Amino acid sequence: MSKQEFTRIVDISIDAVPHAQGINNHMGSLLTSNSSHMEWLMQAIANRDEHLFFVDSKTTAKTVAGDAALSYHIPSVRRDVFLDSVANDKDFVKQQIQQLIKIAKQQGYALAIGHPHQTTLSVLEQELSKLSAQEVELVTVSGLINTAISKKLANKATTPWQKYSSLSPKAVKN
């Protein structure tokens, strides 16, 4: 596929969701490991009027999405936990939520990705109300990114905003 065709498809796809705030690679292991194509994607995103972010599902250890986003000044975050990589297993989803909380407390935030399976939704309904008791706040991805960028600008931080840490750990769901 040519760069022109790739960019056209990206633009059509984004235009199809007029209020989109970000982009995610749900099943894009091959794409996110390809430097050229990730450059094309980030350039297409950067050339738009919207200020979109990118969520890397990290479906491959060879992902180059974060580096490509950084080179185009596109805010990006990477998935920390898959909630339901083992389908229809309530105990597994609960374990993943505990892992998410642990990571959030260690690094100041954690990003989870899950699917709208009945099992996952049922566990989330039970477990999300318990987050505040564990001093963890659930926020949207855009909320996490906006907070991180604001803190970086306010503090004139020298480290990449993706590594920011706060006193109130945040667990993010997609």
Foldseek 3Di string as FASTA:
>chain_A
DDLVVLLVVLVVVCVVPPPAQEEEDPPQPVQQLDPVNLLSNLVSQLPDPHQHAYEYACPDPNGPNVVSNVVSVRHYEYADFEQPPPHPDLVSNVVRVVVQLVVLQVQAEHEYEYDPDPSNVVSCVVPVVCQVVVQEAEDEPVVLRVVLVVVCVVVVDPDPSNRDHDPRGYYYYD
